[in-house]
């Protein structure tokens, strides 16, 4: 797996990406839910940016 960058420069994005650090400790069958959570968090962050 590719390493997660230390920081993107946006605290909201960094918080979402930090959730991906759970992946190595989970069975593969639970990975999709983690990716779904991350995708939803990134969508929310982008929507909030659009509203600004």
Protein backbone atom coordinates (compact mmCIF):
# COMPACT_ATOMS: atom_id res chain seq x y z
CA UNK A 1 0.00 0.00 0.00
CA UNK A 2 1.16 3.53 -0.72
CA UNK A 3 2.05 5.56 2.33
CA UNK A 4 -0.32 8.33 3.33
CA UNK A 5 1.29 11.76 3.02
CA UNK A 6 2.14 13.50 6.29
CA UNK A 7 0.09 16.54 5.41
CA UNK A 8 -1.85 18.07 2.58
CA UNK A 9 -1.90 21.61 3.93
CA UNK A 10 -5.59 21.40 4.80
CA UNK A 11 -6.45 20.20 8.30
CA UNK A 12 -9.87 18.91 7.21
CA UNK A 13 -8.38 16.73 4.47
CA UNK A 14 -5.61 15.56 6.77
CA UNK A 15 -8.19 14.47 9.35
CA UNK A 16 -10.06 12.43 6.74
CA UNK A 17 -6.89 10.80 5.45
CA UNK A 18 -5.80 9.94 8.99
CA UNK A 19 -8.75 7.55 9.10
CA UNK A 20 -7.04 5.46 6.42
CA UNK A 21 -4.37 4.55 8.96
CA UNK A 22 -6.87 2.01 10.34
CA UNK A 23 -6.56 -0.15 7.22
CA UNK A 24 -3.51 -2.26 8.16
CA UNK A 25 -5.23 -3.49 11.32
CA UNK A 26 -8.48 -4.50 9.65
CA UNK A 27 -9.47 -7.58 7.68
CA UNK A 28 -9.67 -6.88 3.93
CA UNK A 29 -13.43 -7.32 4.04
CA UNK A 30 -13.72 -4.18 6.18
CA UNK A 31 -11.57 -1.97 3.96
CA UNK A 32 -14.45 -0.88 1.73
CA UNK A 33 -16.24 0.74 4.67
CA UNK A 34 -13.09 2.69 5.59
CA UNK A 35 -12.72 3.91 2.00
CA UNK A 36 -16.42 4.83 1.90
CA UNK A 37 -15.98 6.89 5.08
CA UNK A 38 -12.93 8.64 3.63
CA UNK A 39 -14.71 9.35 0.34
CA UNK A 40 -17.71 10.80 2.17
CA UNK A 41 -15.44 12.95 4.33
CA UNK A 42 -13.61 14.30 1.30
CA UNK A 43 -16.91 15.06 -0.44
CA UNK A 44 -18.09 16.97 2.65
CA UNK A 45 -14.84 18.91 2.77
CA UNK A 46 -15.09 19.85 -0.90
CA UNK A 47 -18.70 20.93 -0.47
CA UNK A 48 -17.73 23.11 2.47
CA UNK A 49 -14.96 24.69 0.37
CA UNK A 50 -17.44 25.43 -2.40
CA UNK A 51 -19.73 27.19 0.10
CA UNK A 52 -16.94 29.51 1.25
